C-alpha atoms as a PDB file:
ATOM      1  CA  MET A   1      25.810 -44.246 152.894  1.00  0.00           C
ATOM      2  CA  ASN A   2      23.718 -45.051 149.949  1.00  0.00           C
ATOM      3  CA  VAL A   3      24.639 -43.645 145.776  1.00  0.00           C
ATOM      4  CA  ASN A   4      22.478 -41.038 146.296  1.00  0.00           C
ATOM      5  CA  ASP A   5      23.721 -39.320 149.642  1.00  0.00           C
ATOM      6  CA  LEU A   6      27.138 -39.852 148.155  1.00  0.00           C
ATOM      7  CA  ALA A   7      26.141 -38.205 144.998  1.00  0.00           C
ATOM      8  CA  SER A   8      24.310 -35.273 147.142  1.00  0.00           C
ATOM      9  CA  ARG A   9      27.333 -34.913 148.936  1.00  0.00           C
ATOM     10  CA  ALA A  10      29.456 -35.081 145.895  1.00  0.00           C
ATOM     11  CA  SER A  11      27.654 -32.340 144.191  1.00  0.00           C
ATOM     12  CA  ILE A  12      27.969 -29.703 147.369  1.00  0.00           C
ATOM     13  CA  TYR A  13      31.206 -30.068 147.378  1.00  0.00           C
ATOM     14  CA  ILE A  14      31.917 -29.264 144.214  1.00  0.00           C
ATOM     15  CA  ARG A  15      30.145 -26.384 144.332  1.00  0.00           C
ATOM     16  CA  ASN A  16      32.145 -25.220 147.365  1.00  0.00           C
ATOM     17  CA  VAL A  17      34.721 -25.253 146.440  1.00  0.00           C
ATOM     18  CA  GLU A  18      33.692 -23.531 143.255  1.00  0.00           C
ATOM     19  CA  GLN A  19      32.728 -20.985 144.917  1.00  0.00           C
ATOM     20  CA  ALA A  20      35.514 -20.791 147.143  1.00  0.00           C
ATOM     21  CA  LEU A  21      37.805 -20.392 143.962  1.00  0.00           C
ATOM     22  CA  ASP A  22      35.157 -17.494 142.568  1.00  0.00           C
ATOM     23  CA  GLN A  23      36.351 -15.475 145.911  1.00  0.00           C
ATOM     24  CA  ILE A  24      39.588 -15.973 146.034  1.00  0.00           C
ATOM     25  CA  GLY A  25      39.589 -15.119 141.260  1.00  0.00           C
ATOM     26  CA  THR A  26      43.261 -14.825 140.311  1.00  0.00           C
ATOM     27  CA  PRO A  27      45.883 -14.010 142.466  1.00  0.00           C
ATOM     28  CA  ALA A  28      48.886 -12.014 141.125  1.00  0.00           C
ATOM     29  CA  ASP A  29      51.513 -14.220 143.165  1.00  0.00           C
ATOM     30  CA  GLY A  30      53.342 -16.780 141.561  1.00  0.00           C
ATOM     31  CA  ARG A  31      53.747 -18.854 144.968  1.00  0.00           C
ATOM     32  CA  VAL A  32      49.738 -18.674 145.573  1.00  0.00           C
ATOM     33  CA  ALA A  33      48.899 -19.212 141.528  1.00  0.00           C
ATOM     34  CA  GLU A  34      50.014 -22.325 141.354  1.00  0.00           C
ATOM     35  CA  VAL A  35      48.319 -23.305 144.810  1.00  0.00           C
ATOM     36  CA  VAL A  36      45.111 -22.040 143.140  1.00  0.00           C
ATOM     37  CA  GLU A  37      45.718 -23.642 140.174  1.00  0.00           C
ATOM     38  CA  ALA A  38      46.368 -27.261 141.124  1.00  0.00           C
ATOM     39  CA  ALA A  39      42.602 -26.754 143.219  1.00  0.00           C
ATOM     40  CA  LYS A  40      41.505 -26.714 139.509  1.00  0.00           C
ATOM     41  CA  ALA A  41      42.744 -29.296 138.707  1.00  0.00           C
ATOM     42  CA  TYR A  42      41.348 -31.105 141.405  1.00  0.00           C
ATOM     43  CA  LEU A  43      38.236 -29.744 141.154  1.00  0.00           C
ATOM     44  CA  LYS A  44      38.440 -30.584 137.665  1.00  0.00           C
ATOM     45  CA  ASP A  45      38.926 -34.430 138.221  1.00  0.00           C
ATOM     46  CA  SER A  46      36.696 -34.227 140.841  1.00  0.00           C
ATOM     47  CA  LYS A  47      33.785 -33.154 138.318  1.00  0.00           C
ATOM     48  CA  HIS A  48      35.182 -36.499 135.924  1.00  0.00           C
ATOM     49  CA  TYR A  49      35.071 -39.551 138.595  1.00  0.00           C
ATOM     50  CA  PHE A  50      31.581 -37.345 139.565  1.00  0.00           C
ATOM     51  CA  LYS A  51      30.286 -37.658 135.815  1.00  0.00           C
ATOM     52  CA  GLU A  52      31.474 -40.789 135.641  1.00  0.00           C
ATOM     53  CA  GLY A  53      29.576 -42.301 139.237  1.00  0.00           C
ATOM     54  CA  ASP A  54      32.083 -42.239 141.626  1.00  0.00           C
ATOM     55  CA  TYR A  55      30.651 -40.554 144.269  1.00  0.00           C
ATOM     56  CA  ALA A  56      32.916 -41.016 146.351  1.00  0.00           C
ATOM     57  CA  THR A  57      36.445 -40.262 144.477  1.00  0.00           C
ATOM     58  CA  ALA A  58      34.651 -37.118 143.383  1.00  0.00           C
ATOM     59  CA  ILE A  59      34.042 -36.171 147.295  1.00  0.00           C
ATOM     60  CA  SER A  60      38.203 -36.479 147.819  1.00  0.00           C
ATOM     61  CA  THR A  61      39.530 -34.258 144.352  1.00  0.00           C
ATOM     62  CA  ALA A  62      37.379 -32.183 146.369  1.00  0.00           C
ATOM     63  CA  SER A  63      38.620 -32.994 149.838  1.00  0.00           C
ATOM     64  CA  TYR A  64      42.017 -31.826 148.441  1.00  0.00           C
ATOM     65  CA  ALA A  65      40.915 -28.902 146.802  1.00  0.00           C
ATOM     66  CA  GLU A  66      39.395 -27.824 149.403  1.00  0.00           C
ATOM     67  CA  GLY A  67      42.733 -28.387 151.741  1.00  0.00           C
ATOM     68  CA  LEU A  68      44.477 -26.291 149.175  1.00  0.00           C
ATOM     69  CA  LEU A  69      42.215 -23.316 149.460  1.00  0.00           C
ATOM     70  CA  ASP A  70      42.123 -23.366 153.620  1.00  0.00           C
ATOM     71  CA  ALA A  71      45.894 -23.328 153.361  1.00  0.00           C
ATOM     72  CA  LEU A  72      45.852 -20.577 151.650  1.00  0.00           C
ATOM     73  CA  ARG A  73      43.165 -18.503 154.221  1.00  0.00           C
ATOM     74  CA  MET A  74      45.434 -19.299 156.876  1.00  0.00           C
END
């Protein structure tokens, strides 16, 4: 996979996490809110790595965020 493919994939992952967080909004449950905050922190990290050009790490951190949000859906 070339750099452009990684950048494109990272961008898609970041956008998907942003959309999922927008759908969740601000949860009232304290424990759920903690998980959402952790997902937001991973998203912030992902955006940082994306800006640095470290697309593989950007994908990884976005994937962690996505995993947390998927767990909340269950």
